[in-house]
mmCIF file of all heavy atoms, coordinates in Angstrom:
data_MODEL
# 
_entry.id   MODEL 
# 
loop_
_atom_site.group_PDB 
_atom_site.id 
_atom_site.type_symbol 
_atom_site.label_atom_id 
_atom_site.label_alt_id 
_atom_site.label_comp_id 
_atom_site.label_asym_id 
_atom_site.label_entity_id 
_atom_site.label_seq_id 
_atom_site.pdbx_PDB_ins_code 
_atom_site.Cartn_x 
_atom_site.Cartn_y 
_atom_site.Cartn_z 
_atom_site.occupancy 
_atom_site.B_iso_or_equiv 
_atom_site.pdbx_formal_charge 
_atom_site.auth_seq_id 
_atom_site.auth_comp_id 
_atom_site.auth_asym_id 
_atom_site.auth_atom_id 
_atom_site.pdbx_PDB_model_num 
ATOM 1   N N   . SER A 1 1  ? -10.316 11.049  -16.301 1.00 0.00 ? 1  SER A N   1 
ATOM 2   C CA  . SER A 1 1  ? -9.371  12.148  -16.424 1.00 0.00 ? 1  SER A CA  1 
ATOM 3   C C   . SER A 1 1  ? -8.258  12.003  -15.490 1.00 0.00 ? 1  SER A C   1 
ATOM 4   O O   . SER A 1 1  ? -8.187  11.206  -14.657 1.00 0.00 ? 1  SER A O   1 
ATOM 5   C CB  . SER A 1 1  ? -10.173 13.529  -16.114 1.00 0.00 ? 1  SER A CB  1 
ATOM 6   O OG  . SER A 1 1  ? -10.647 13.458  -14.886 1.00 0.00 ? 1  SER A OG  1 
ATOM 7   N N   . ALA A 1 2  ? -7.193  12.781  -15.776 1.00 0.00 ? 2  ALA A N   1 
ATOM 8   C CA  . ALA A 1 2  ? -5.975  12.737  -14.926 1.00 0.00 ? 2  ALA A CA  1 
ATOM 9   C C   . ALA A 1 2  ? -6.296  13.061  -13.457 1.00 0.00 ? 2  ALA A C   1 
ATOM 10  O O   . ALA A 1 2  ? -7.024  14.062  -13.194 1.00 0.00 ? 2  ALA A O   1 
ATOM 11  C CB  . ALA A 1 2  ? -4.959  13.703  -15.412 1.00 0.00 ? 2  ALA A CB  1 
ATOM 12  N N   . GLY A 1 3  ? -5.771  12.291  -12.490 1.00 0.00 ? 3  GLY A N   1 
ATOM 13  C CA  . GLY A 1 3  ? -6.049  12.530  -11.085 1.00 0.00 ? 3  GLY A CA  1 
ATOM 14  C C   . GLY A 1 3  ? -7.133  11.728  -10.509 1.00 0.00 ? 3  GLY A C   1 
ATOM 15  O O   . GLY A 1 3  ? -7.235  11.585  -9.324  1.00 0.00 ? 3  GLY A O   1 
ATOM 16  N N   . SER A 1 4  ? -8.058  11.184  -11.343 1.00 0.00 ? 4  SER A N   1 
ATOM 17  C CA  . SER A 1 4  ? -9.149  10.348  -10.815 1.00 0.00 ? 4  SER A CA  1 
ATOM 18  C C   . SER A 1 4  ? -8.674  8.922   -10.871 1.00 0.00 ? 4  SER A C   1 
ATOM 19  O O   . SER A 1 4  ? -7.962  8.579   -11.768 1.00 0.00 ? 4  SER A O   1 
ATOM 20  C CB  . SER A 1 4  ? -10.426 10.527  -11.620 1.00 0.00 ? 4  SER A CB  1 
ATOM 21  O OG  . SER A 1 4  ? -10.223 10.097  -12.945 1.00 0.00 ? 4  SER A OG  1 
ATOM 22  N N   . SER A 1 5  ? -9.231  8.094   -9.907  1.00 0.00 ? 5  SER A N   1 
ATOM 23  C CA  . SER A 1 5  ? -8.763  6.664   -9.875  1.00 0.00 ? 5  SER A CA  1 
ATOM 24  C C   . SER A 1 5  ? -9.836  5.741   -9.534  1.00 0.00 ? 5  SER A C   1 
ATOM 25  O O   . SER A 1 5  ? -9.825  4.955   -8.643  1.00 0.00 ? 5  SER A O   1 
ATOM 26  C CB  . SER A 1 5  ? -7.672  6.556   -8.851  1.00 0.00 ? 5  SER A CB  1 
ATOM 27  O OG  . SER A 1 5  ? -8.101  6.978   -7.581  1.00 0.00 ? 5  SER A OG  1 
ATOM 28  N N   . PRO A 1 6  ? -10.992 5.775   -10.301 1.00 0.00 ? 6  PRO A N   1 
ATOM 29  C CA  . PRO A 1 6  ? -12.074 4.683   -10.010 1.00 0.00 ? 6  PRO A CA  1 
ATOM 30  C C   . PRO A 1 6  ? -11.633 3.319   -10.360 1.00 0.00 ? 6  PRO A C   1 
ATOM 31  O O   . PRO A 1 6  ? -11.064 3.193   -11.481 1.00 0.00 ? 6  PRO A O   1 
ATOM 32  C CB  . PRO A 1 6  ? -13.215 5.245   -10.908 1.00 0.00 ? 6  PRO A CB  1 
ATOM 33  C CG  . PRO A 1 6  ? -12.574 6.018   -12.004 1.00 0.00 ? 6  PRO A CG  1 
ATOM 34  C CD  . PRO A 1 6  ? -11.399 6.662   -11.433 1.00 0.00 ? 6  PRO A CD  1 
ATOM 35  N N   . GLY A 1 7  ? -11.760 2.331   -9.414  1.00 0.00 ? 7  GLY A N   1 
ATOM 36  C CA  . GLY A 1 7  ? -11.432 1.090   -9.664  1.00 0.00 ? 7  GLY A CA  1 
ATOM 37  C C   . GLY A 1 7  ? -9.881  0.773   -9.674  1.00 0.00 ? 7  GLY A C   1 
ATOM 38  O O   . GLY A 1 7  ? -9.465  -0.356  -9.927  1.00 0.00 ? 7  GLY A O   1 
ATOM 39  N N   . VAL A 1 8  ? -9.151  1.713   -9.200  1.00 0.00 ? 8  VAL A N   1 
ATOM 40  C CA  . VAL A 1 8  ? -7.626  1.613   -9.195  1.00 0.00 ? 8  VAL A CA  1 
ATOM 41  C C   . VAL A 1 8  ? -7.232  1.217   -7.790  1.00 0.00 ? 8  VAL A C   1 
ATOM 42  O O   . VAL A 1 8  ? -7.569  1.922   -6.825  1.00 0.00 ? 8  VAL A O   1 
ATOM 43  C CB  . VAL A 1 8  ? -6.895  2.831   -9.682  1.00 0.00 ? 8  VAL A CB  1 
ATOM 44  C CG1 . VAL A 1 8  ? -5.382  2.610   -9.493  1.00 0.00 ? 8  VAL A CG1 1 
ATOM 45  C CG2 . VAL A 1 8  ? -7.251  3.159   -11.065 1.00 0.00 ? 8  VAL A CG2 1 
ATOM 46  N N   . ALA A 1 9  ? -6.593  0.113   -7.585  1.00 0.00 ? 9  ALA A N   1 
ATOM 47  C CA  . ALA A 1 9  ? -6.214  -0.381  -6.271  1.00 0.00 ? 9  ALA A CA  1 
ATOM 48  C C   . ALA A 1 9  ? -5.086  0.501   -5.683  1.00 0.00 ? 9  ALA A C   1 
ATOM 49  O O   . ALA A 1 9  ? -4.227  0.999   -6.274  1.00 0.00 ? 9  ALA A O   1 
ATOM 50  C CB  . ALA A 1 9  ? -5.627  -1.830  -6.331  1.00 0.00 ? 9  ALA A CB  1 
ATOM 51  N N   . ALA A 1 10 ? -5.289  0.882   -4.339  1.00 0.00 ? 10 ALA A N   1 
ATOM 52  C CA  . ALA A 1 10 ? -4.339  1.733   -3.706  1.00 0.00 ? 10 ALA A CA  1 
ATOM 53  C C   . ALA A 1 10 ? -3.203  0.939   -3.060  1.00 0.00 ? 10 ALA A C   1 
ATOM 54  O O   . ALA A 1 10 ? -2.225  1.460   -2.503  1.00 0.00 ? 10 ALA A O   1 
ATOM 55  C CB  . ALA A 1 10 ? -5.039  2.551   -2.600  1.00 0.00 ? 10 ALA A CB  1 
ATOM 56  N N   . GLY A 1 11 ? -3.286  -0.393  -3.074  1.00 0.00 ? 11 GLY A N   1 
ATOM 57  C CA  . GLY A 1 11 ? -2.273  -1.228  -2.516  1.00 0.00 ? 11 GLY A CA  1 
ATOM 58  C C   . GLY A 1 11 ? -2.369  -2.631  -3.006  1.00 0.00 ? 11 GLY A C   1 
ATOM 59  O O   . GLY A 1 11 ? -3.346  -3.028  -3.652  1.00 0.00 ? 11 GLY A O   1 
ATOM 60  N N   . GLN A 1 12 ? -1.369  -3.532  -2.662  1.00 0.00 ? 12 GLN A N   1 
ATOM 61  C CA  . GLN A 1 12 ? -1.438  -4.860  -3.069  1.00 0.00 ? 12 GLN A CA  1 
ATOM 62  C C   . GLN A 1 12 ? -0.912  -5.749  -1.992  1.00 0.00 ? 12 GLN A C   1 
ATOM 63  O O   . GLN A 1 12 ? 0.053   -5.516  -1.357  1.00 0.00 ? 12 GLN A O   1 
ATOM 64  C CB  . GLN A 1 12 ? -0.582  -5.119  -4.272  1.00 0.00 ? 12 GLN A CB  1 
ATOM 65  C CG  . GLN A 1 12 ? -0.498  -6.532  -4.835  1.00 0.00 ? 12 GLN A CG  1 
ATOM 66  C CD  . GLN A 1 12 ? 0.286   -6.756  -6.019  1.00 0.00 ? 12 GLN A CD  1 
ATOM 67  O OE1 . GLN A 1 12 ? 0.055   -5.969  -7.096  1.00 0.00 ? 12 GLN A OE1 1 
ATOM 68  N NE2 . GLN A 1 12 ? 1.240   -7.641  -6.036  1.00 0.00 ? 12 GLN A NE2 1 
ATOM 69  N N   . ALA A 1 13 ? -1.704  -6.848  -1.643  1.00 0.00 ? 13 ALA A N   1 
ATOM 70  C CA  . ALA A 1 13 ? -1.390  -7.742  -0.528  1.00 0.00 ? 13 ALA A CA  1 
ATOM 71  C C   . ALA A 1 13 ? -1.451  -9.186  -1.052  1.00 0.00 ? 13 ALA A C   1 
ATOM 72  O O   . ALA A 1 13 ? -2.107  -9.516  -1.978  1.00 0.00 ? 13 ALA A O   1 
ATOM 73  C CB  . ALA A 1 13 ? -2.379  -7.658  0.606   1.00 0.00 ? 13 ALA A CB  1 
ATOM 74  N N   . SER A 1 14 ? -0.510  -9.960  -0.456  1.00 0.00 ? 14 SER A N   1 
ATOM 75  C CA  . SER A 1 14 ? -0.323  -11.435 -0.764  1.00 0.00 ? 14 SER A CA  1 
ATOM 76  C C   . SER A 1 14 ? 0.039   -12.025 0.561   1.00 0.00 ? 14 SER A C   1 
ATOM 77  O O   . SER A 1 14 ? 0.466   -11.471 1.498   1.00 0.00 ? 14 SER A O   1 
ATOM 78  C CB  . SER A 1 14 ? 0.656   -11.663 -1.851  1.00 0.00 ? 14 SER A CB  1 
ATOM 79  O OG  . SER A 1 14 ? 1.970   -11.164 -1.535  1.00 0.00 ? 14 SER A OG  1 
ATOM 80  N N   . PRO A 1 15 ? -0.044  -13.424 0.569   1.00 0.00 ? 15 PRO A N   1 
ATOM 81  C CA  . PRO A 1 15 ? 0.349   -14.147 1.725   1.00 0.00 ? 15 PRO A CA  1 
ATOM 82  C C   . PRO A 1 15 ? 1.822   -13.809 2.204   1.00 0.00 ? 15 PRO A C   1 
ATOM 83  O O   . PRO A 1 15 ? 2.791   -13.879 1.381   1.00 0.00 ? 15 PRO A O   1 
ATOM 84  C CB  . PRO A 1 15 ? 0.285   -15.591 1.415   1.00 0.00 ? 15 PRO A CB  1 
ATOM 85  C CG  . PRO A 1 15 ? -0.795  -15.583 0.328   1.00 0.00 ? 15 PRO A CG  1 
ATOM 86  C CD  . PRO A 1 15 ? -0.565  -14.264 -0.431  1.00 0.00 ? 15 PRO A CD  1 
ATOM 87  N N   . GLY A 1 16 ? 1.943   -13.229 3.402   1.00 0.00 ? 16 GLY A N   1 
ATOM 88  C CA  . GLY A 1 16 ? 3.242   -12.820 3.891   1.00 0.00 ? 16 GLY A CA  1 
ATOM 89  C C   . GLY A 1 16 ? 3.608   -11.427 3.627   1.00 0.00 ? 16 GLY A C   1 
ATOM 90  O O   . GLY A 1 16 ? 4.605   -10.846 4.129   1.00 0.00 ? 16 GLY A O   1 
ATOM 91  N N   . SER A 1 17 ? 2.769   -10.698 2.780   1.00 0.00 ? 17 SER A N   1 
ATOM 92  C CA  . SER A 1 17 ? 3.053   -9.334  2.439   1.00 0.00 ? 17 SER A CA  1 
ATOM 93  C C   . SER A 1 17 ? 1.785   -8.431  2.584   1.00 0.00 ? 17 SER A C   1 
ATOM 94  O O   . SER A 1 17 ? 0.987   -8.299  1.638   1.00 0.00 ? 17 SER A O   1 
ATOM 95  C CB  . SER A 1 17 ? 3.577   -9.217  0.936   1.00 0.00 ? 17 SER A CB  1 
ATOM 96  O OG  . SER A 1 17 ? 4.807   -9.942  0.750   1.00 0.00 ? 17 SER A OG  1 
ATOM 97  N N   . PRO A 1 18 ? 1.574   -7.892  3.751   1.00 0.00 ? 18 PRO A N   1 
ATOM 98  C CA  . PRO A 1 18 ? 0.349   -7.123  3.937   1.00 0.00 ? 18 PRO A CA  1 
ATOM 99  C C   . PRO A 1 18 ? 0.514   -5.680  3.264   1.00 0.00 ? 18 PRO A C   1 
ATOM 100 O O   . PRO A 1 18 ? 1.532   -5.335  2.881   1.00 0.00 ? 18 PRO A O   1 
ATOM 101 C CB  . PRO A 1 18 ? 0.338   -6.939  5.512   1.00 0.00 ? 18 PRO A CB  1 
ATOM 102 C CG  . PRO A 1 18 ? 1.760   -7.013  5.936   1.00 0.00 ? 18 PRO A CG  1 
ATOM 103 C CD  . PRO A 1 18 ? 2.356   -8.090  4.962   1.00 0.00 ? 18 PRO A CD  1 
ATOM 104 N N   . ALA A 1 19 ? -0.622  -5.059  3.195   1.00 0.00 ? 19 ALA A N   1 
ATOM 105 C CA  . ALA A 1 19 ? -0.611  -3.712  2.523   1.00 0.00 ? 19 ALA A CA  1 
ATOM 106 C C   . ALA A 1 19 ? -1.359  -2.766  3.488   1.00 0.00 ? 19 ALA A C   1 
ATOM 107 O O   . ALA A 1 19 ? -2.334  -3.119  4.099   1.00 0.00 ? 19 ALA A O   1 
ATOM 108 C CB  . ALA A 1 19 ? -1.379  -3.701  1.172   1.00 0.00 ? 19 ALA A CB  1 
ATOM 109 N N   . THR A 1 20 ? -0.862  -1.587  3.513   1.00 0.00 ? 20 THR A N   1 
ATOM 110 C CA  . THR A 1 20 ? -1.420  -0.479  4.267   1.00 0.00 ? 20 THR A CA  1 
ATOM 111 C C   . THR A 1 20 ? -1.955  0.672   3.246   1.00 0.00 ? 20 THR A C   1 
ATOM 112 O O   . THR A 1 20 ? -1.201  1.074   2.487   1.00 0.00 ? 20 THR A O   1 
ATOM 113 C CB  . THR A 1 20 ? -0.409  0.138   5.256   1.00 0.00 ? 20 THR A CB  1 
ATOM 114 O OG1 . THR A 1 20 ? 0.026   -0.855  6.181   1.00 0.00 ? 20 THR A OG1 1 
ATOM 115 C CG2 . THR A 1 20 ? -1.041  1.317   6.118   1.00 0.00 ? 20 THR A CG2 1 
ATOM 116 N N   . VAL A 1 21 ? -3.255  0.951   3.489   1.00 0.00 ? 21 VAL A N   1 
ATOM 117 C CA  . VAL A 1 21 ? -3.846  1.962   2.559   1.00 0.00 ? 21 VAL A CA  1 
ATOM 118 C C   . VAL A 1 21 ? -4.552  2.904   3.344   1.00 0.00 ? 21 VAL A C   1 
ATOM 119 O O   . VAL A 1 21 ? -4.947  2.750   4.581   1.00 0.00 ? 21 VAL A O   1 
ATOM 120 C CB  . VAL A 1 21 ? -4.837  1.307   1.628   1.00 0.00 ? 21 VAL A CB  1 
ATOM 121 C CG1 . VAL A 1 21 ? -4.203  0.271   0.656   1.00 0.00 ? 21 VAL A CG1 1 
ATOM 122 C CG2 . VAL A 1 21 ? -5.931  0.529   2.455   1.00 0.00 ? 21 VAL A CG2 1 
ATOM 123 N N   . SER A 1 22 ? -4.704  4.226   2.793   1.00 0.00 ? 22 SER A N   1 
ATOM 124 C CA  . SER A 1 22 ? -5.503  5.228   3.457   1.00 0.00 ? 22 SER A CA  1 
ATOM 125 C C   . SER A 1 22 ? -6.914  5.157   3.009   1.00 0.00 ? 22 SER A C   1 
ATOM 126 O O   . SER A 1 22 ? -7.192  5.044   1.793   1.00 0.00 ? 22 SER A O   1 
ATOM 127 C CB  . SER A 1 22 ? -4.862  6.607   2.957   1.00 0.00 ? 22 SER A CB  1 
ATOM 128 O OG  . SER A 1 22 ? -3.487  6.756   3.459   1.00 0.00 ? 22 SER A OG  1 
ATOM 129 N N   . VAL A 1 23 ? -7.838  5.266   4.026   1.00 0.00 ? 23 VAL A N   1 
ATOM 130 C CA  . VAL A 1 23 ? -9.261  5.120   3.688   1.00 0.00 ? 23 VAL A CA  1 
ATOM 131 C C   . VAL A 1 23 ? -9.910  6.500   4.050   1.00 0.00 ? 23 VAL A C   1 
ATOM 132 O O   . VAL A 1 23 ? -9.781  6.951   5.117   1.00 0.00 ? 23 VAL A O   1 
ATOM 133 C CB  . VAL A 1 23 ? -9.942  4.057   4.622   1.00 0.00 ? 23 VAL A CB  1 
ATOM 134 C CG1 . VAL A 1 23 ? -11.422 3.936   4.230   1.00 0.00 ? 23 VAL A CG1 1 
ATOM 135 C CG2 . VAL A 1 23 ? -9.153  2.739   4.466   1.00 0.00 ? 23 VAL A CG2 1 
ATOM 136 N N   . PRO A 1 24 ? -10.482 7.198   3.057   1.00 0.00 ? 24 PRO A N   1 
ATOM 137 C CA  . PRO A 1 24 ? -11.073 8.521   3.298   1.00 0.00 ? 24 PRO A CA  1 
ATOM 138 C C   . PRO A 1 24 ? -12.223 8.480   4.194   1.00 0.00 ? 24 PRO A C   1 
ATOM 139 O O   . PRO A 1 24 ? -12.870 7.343   4.299   1.00 0.00 ? 24 PRO A O   1 
ATOM 140 C CB  . PRO A 1 24 ? -11.368 9.015   1.865   1.00 0.00 ? 24 PRO A CB  1 
ATOM 141 C CG  . PRO A 1 24 ? -11.609 7.804   1.143   1.00 0.00 ? 24 PRO A CG  1 
ATOM 142 C CD  . PRO A 1 24 ? -10.679 6.745   1.679   1.00 0.00 ? 24 PRO A CD  1 
# 
């Protein structure tokens, strides 16, 4: 349903490009 995000990545990282994500 709208608003839920199972399995959806909260960020994307690659060599030289880190990602910052919120962890509940």
